Each structure stands twice: as structure tokens, then as C-alpha cells.
């Protein structure tokens, strides 16, 4: 049987990061930010009027992300994972 991760982050091309799962989001002061849905979209363009959530502003400002998805480094046998 395969277990599913408790939290899944999905970066959308030229858009927000979708957050699915049991996660608490906090503001800069450490206060919990209420979630109204099981899946939320977090702004990464910086232009949202409802930060930390996405309001679609990335479309209006022409926000673009890199085409390539960063990959974690390959583990080195017997080496430090950092």
C-alpha cells in the first residue's frame, strides 16, 4: 500500500503555489491565518491584495517563473545529504 504525503505543494507555471493537506499557515507575526478551503493558492508574485493568498494579480503584472523545475541534488553515497 502506498501512503500519501500529508502536505503537497504544487508550483503553478507563472502563478501561485497550491498547498494541499493539513498545514497551518502563519503570518510574519506568527499568527495563524485562517483557511477557508482544503487547497489554497499562495502568492509568489508579490502583487496580491490578499497576501499570503493569491488573488490572480500575477496575470495582470505578467509574472513569469523559470521554465525548469529545480531538482534536489543527487545523494552522494556515504556523504552528507546537504
N, C-alpha and C. Protein backbone atom coordinates (compact mmCIF):
# COMPACT_ATOMS: atom_id res chain seq x y z
N UNK A 1 0.84 -1.17 0.00
CA UNK A 1 0.00 0.00 0.00
C UNK A 1 0.89 1.24 0.00
N UNK A 2 0.53 2.24 -0.80
CA UNK A 2 1.27 3.49 -0.90
C UNK A 2 0.62 4.53 0.00
N UNK A 3 1.43 5.20 0.81
CA UNK A 3 0.89 6.27 1.65
C UNK A 3 1.06 7.59 0.93
N UNK A 4 0.10 8.47 1.12
CA UNK A 4 0.16 9.79 0.50
C UNK A 4 0.76 10.78 1.49
N UNK A 5 1.52 11.74 0.99
CA UNK A 5 2.10 12.73 1.89
C UNK A 5 1.00 13.57 2.55
N UNK A 6 1.26 14.03 3.76
CA UNK A 6 0.28 14.84 4.49
C UNK A 6 0.07 16.20 3.83
N UNK A 7 1.13 16.74 3.23
CA UNK A 7 1.06 18.05 2.59
C UNK A 7 1.71 17.96 1.22
N UNK A 8 1.06 18.56 0.21
CA UNK A 8 1.60 18.58 -1.14
C UNK A 8 1.64 20.03 -1.62
N UNK A 9 2.82 20.47 -2.07
CA UNK A 9 3.00 21.81 -2.64
C UNK A 9 3.19 21.67 -4.14
N UNK A 10 2.38 22.40 -4.92
CA UNK A 10 2.46 22.32 -6.37
C UNK A 10 2.63 23.72 -6.95
N UNK A 11 3.83 24.04 -7.48
CA UNK A 11 4.01 25.35 -8.10
C UNK A 11 3.32 25.37 -9.46
N UNK A 12 2.48 26.38 -9.68
CA UNK A 12 1.80 26.53 -10.96
C UNK A 12 2.67 27.39 -11.87
N UNK A 13 2.81 27.01 -13.14
CA UNK A 13 3.62 27.82 -14.05
C UNK A 13 3.09 29.26 -14.09
N UNK A 14 3.96 30.22 -13.89
CA UNK A 14 3.63 31.65 -13.93
C UNK A 14 2.52 32.02 -12.95
N UNK A 15 2.38 31.27 -11.87
CA UNK A 15 1.31 31.54 -10.92
C UNK A 15 1.66 31.17 -9.50
N UNK A 16 0.64 30.87 -8.71
CA UNK A 16 0.83 30.61 -7.28
C UNK A 16 1.39 29.22 -6.99
N UNK A 17 1.59 28.97 -5.71
CA UNK A 17 1.91 27.63 -5.22
C UNK A 17 0.65 27.09 -4.57
N UNK A 18 0.16 25.96 -5.06
CA UNK A 18 -1.01 25.32 -4.47
C UNK A 18 -0.56 24.49 -3.28
N UNK A 19 -1.27 24.62 -2.17
CA UNK A 19 -0.97 23.88 -0.95
C UNK A 19 -2.16 23.01 -0.62
N UNK A 20 -1.93 21.69 -0.62
CA UNK A 20 -2.98 20.73 -0.29
C UNK A 20 -2.57 19.97 0.95
N UNK A 21 -3.51 19.77 1.85
CA UNK A 21 -3.23 18.95 3.02
C UNK A 21 -3.34 19.71 4.32
N UNK A 22 -2.99 19.01 5.38
CA UNK A 22 -3.12 19.52 6.74
C UNK A 22 -1.90 20.36 7.10
N UNK A 23 -2.00 21.65 6.86
CA UNK A 23 -0.89 22.57 7.13
C UNK A 23 -1.46 23.85 7.73
N UNK A 24 -0.73 24.42 8.68
CA UNK A 24 -1.14 25.70 9.26
C UNK A 24 -0.28 26.79 8.65
N UNK A 25 -0.92 27.84 8.17
CA UNK A 25 -0.22 28.97 7.58
C UNK A 25 -0.19 30.09 8.61
N UNK A 26 0.99 30.70 8.79
CA UNK A 26 1.15 31.78 9.76
C UNK A 26 1.64 33.04 9.07
N UNK A 27 1.26 34.18 9.63
CA UNK A 27 1.74 35.45 9.08
C UNK A 27 3.11 35.78 9.68
N UNK A 28 3.66 36.94 9.30
CA UNK A 28 5.00 37.31 9.75
C UNK A 28 5.10 37.46 11.27
N UNK A 29 3.98 37.74 11.92
CA UNK A 29 3.97 37.88 13.38
C UNK A 29 3.75 36.55 14.09
N UNK A 30 3.58 35.48 13.32
CA UNK A 30 3.39 34.16 13.91
C UNK A 30 1.95 33.79 14.19
N UNK A 31 1.01 34.64 13.79
CA UNK A 31 -0.41 34.34 13.99
C UNK A 31 -0.92 33.42 12.89
N UNK A 32 -1.76 32.46 13.28
CA UNK A 32 -2.35 31.55 12.30
C UNK A 32 -3.27 32.32 11.36
N UNK A 33 -3.16 32.04 10.06
CA UNK A 33 -4.01 32.65 9.05
C UNK A 33 -5.12 31.65 8.74
N UNK A 34 -6.39 32.04 8.92
CA UNK A 34 -7.49 31.10 8.68
C UNK A 34 -7.54 30.65 7.22
N UNK A 35 -7.83 29.38 7.04
CA UNK A 35 -8.01 28.81 5.70
C UNK A 35 -9.48 28.50 5.51
N UNK A 36 -10.00 28.83 4.34
CA UNK A 36 -11.41 28.55 4.06
C UNK A 36 -11.58 27.30 3.20
N UNK A 37 -10.48 26.78 2.68
CA UNK A 37 -10.54 25.62 1.79
C UNK A 37 -9.44 24.63 2.15
N UNK A 38 -9.62 23.39 1.70
CA UNK A 38 -8.59 22.37 1.93
C UNK A 38 -7.37 22.62 1.06
N UNK A 39 -7.58 23.21 -0.13
CA UNK A 39 -6.48 23.58 -1.02
C UNK A 39 -6.46 25.09 -1.13
N UNK A 40 -5.29 25.69 -0.91
CA UNK A 40 -5.16 27.14 -1.03
C UNK A 40 -4.04 27.47 -2.01
N UNK A 41 -4.13 28.66 -2.60
CA UNK A 41 -3.11 29.14 -3.53
C UNK A 41 -2.35 30.27 -2.85
N UNK A 42 -1.04 30.08 -2.69
CA UNK A 42 -0.19 31.09 -2.07
C UNK A 42 0.48 31.94 -3.14
N UNK A 43 0.43 33.26 -2.94
CA UNK A 43 1.03 34.20 -3.87
C UNK A 43 2.55 34.05 -3.88
N UNK A 44 3.14 34.11 -5.06
CA UNK A 44 4.60 34.19 -5.12
C UNK A 44 5.07 35.31 -6.04
N UNK A 45 4.10 36.10 -6.57
CA UNK A 45 4.49 37.24 -7.40
C UNK A 45 4.67 38.50 -6.58
N UNK A 46 4.08 38.54 -5.38
CA UNK A 46 4.20 39.70 -4.51
C UNK A 46 3.15 40.78 -4.73
N UNK A 47 2.27 40.61 -5.71
CA UNK A 47 1.31 41.66 -6.05
C UNK A 47 -0.09 41.44 -5.49
N UNK A 48 -0.33 40.33 -4.83
CA UNK A 48 -1.67 40.01 -4.33
C UNK A 48 -2.14 41.02 -3.29
N UNK A 49 -3.42 41.34 -3.33
CA UNK A 49 -4.01 42.21 -2.34
C UNK A 49 -4.52 41.46 -1.13
N UNK A 50 -4.42 40.12 -1.16
CA UNK A 50 -4.90 39.30 -0.04
C UNK A 50 -3.80 38.35 0.44
N UNK A 51 -2.57 38.86 0.47
CA UNK A 51 -1.43 38.04 0.89
C UNK A 51 -1.72 37.36 2.23
N UNK A 52 -1.31 36.16 2.43
CA UNK A 52 -0.38 35.38 1.62
C UNK A 52 -1.04 34.64 0.47
N UNK A 53 -2.36 34.84 0.30
CA UNK A 53 -3.09 34.09 -0.72
C UNK A 53 -3.03 34.78 -2.08
N UNK A 54 -3.21 34.02 -3.12
CA UNK A 54 -3.20 34.52 -4.49
C UNK A 54 -4.57 35.12 -4.82
N UNK A 55 -4.56 36.27 -5.51
CA UNK A 55 -5.81 36.87 -5.99
C UNK A 55 -5.82 36.99 -7.51
N UNK A 56 -4.86 36.37 -8.18
CA UNK A 56 -4.80 36.41 -9.63
C UNK A 56 -3.99 37.58 -10.19
N UNK A 57 -3.41 38.40 -9.32
CA UNK A 57 -2.64 39.57 -9.77
C UNK A 57 -1.47 39.20 -10.66
N UNK A 58 -0.96 37.98 -10.53
CA UNK A 58 0.19 37.56 -11.35
C UNK A 58 -0.12 37.68 -12.84
N UNK A 59 -1.38 37.48 -13.21
CA UNK A 59 -1.75 37.59 -14.63
C UNK A 59 -1.65 39.04 -15.10
N UNK A 60 -2.12 39.97 -14.27
CA UNK A 60 -2.13 41.39 -14.65
C UNK A 60 -0.72 41.97 -14.76
N UNK A 61 0.21 41.48 -13.93
CA UNK A 61 1.56 42.05 -13.95
C UNK A 61 2.52 41.27 -14.85
N UNK A 62 2.03 40.17 -15.43
CA UNK A 62 2.89 39.38 -16.32
C UNK A 62 3.96 38.59 -15.60
N UNK A 63 3.65 38.15 -14.37
CA UNK A 63 4.62 37.37 -13.59
C UNK A 63 5.01 36.10 -14.34
N UNK A 64 6.30 35.81 -14.37
CA UNK A 64 6.81 34.62 -15.05
C UNK A 64 7.73 33.85 -14.12
N UNK A 65 7.65 32.54 -14.22
CA UNK A 65 8.54 31.67 -13.46
C UNK A 65 9.53 31.02 -14.41
N UNK A 66 10.55 30.41 -13.84
CA UNK A 66 11.51 29.69 -14.66
C UNK A 66 10.82 28.52 -15.32
N UNK A 67 11.27 28.16 -16.52
CA UNK A 67 10.69 27.02 -17.23
C UNK A 67 11.08 25.71 -16.58
N UNK A 68 12.26 25.66 -16.00
CA UNK A 68 12.75 24.41 -15.43
C UNK A 68 12.39 24.30 -13.96
N UNK A 69 11.99 23.10 -13.57
CA UNK A 69 11.69 22.82 -12.18
C UNK A 69 12.99 22.45 -11.49
N UNK A 70 13.34 23.14 -10.38
CA UNK A 70 14.57 22.77 -9.70
C UNK A 70 14.50 21.36 -9.14
N UNK A 71 15.56 20.64 -9.26
CA UNK A 71 15.62 19.27 -8.75
C UNK A 71 16.58 19.22 -7.57
N UNK A 72 16.26 18.42 -6.57
CA UNK A 72 17.20 18.29 -5.45
C UNK A 72 18.48 17.62 -5.92
N UNK A 73 19.60 17.92 -5.25
CA UNK A 73 20.86 17.28 -5.65
C UNK A 73 20.79 15.78 -5.44
N UNK A 74 21.52 15.06 -6.27
CA UNK A 74 21.58 13.61 -6.13
C UNK A 74 22.34 13.26 -4.85
N UNK A 75 21.85 12.29 -4.10
CA UNK A 75 22.58 11.90 -2.88
C UNK A 75 23.93 11.29 -3.22
N UNK A 76 24.89 11.59 -2.38
CA UNK A 76 26.23 11.03 -2.53
C UNK A 76 26.34 9.86 -1.57
N UNK A 77 26.63 8.65 -2.07
CA UNK A 77 26.73 7.50 -1.16
C UNK A 77 27.71 7.78 -0.03
N UNK A 78 27.22 7.66 1.20
CA UNK A 78 28.07 7.86 2.37
C UNK A 78 28.39 9.31 2.64
N UNK A 79 27.80 10.23 1.85
CA UNK A 79 28.11 11.64 2.02
C UNK A 79 27.05 12.37 2.80
N UNK A 80 27.35 13.62 3.09
CA UNK A 80 26.42 14.50 3.79
C UNK A 80 25.29 14.85 2.83
N UNK A 81 24.01 14.70 3.24
CA UNK A 81 22.90 14.97 2.33
C UNK A 81 22.70 16.44 2.01
N UNK A 82 23.44 17.34 2.64
CA UNK A 82 23.26 18.77 2.36
C UNK A 82 23.88 19.11 1.09
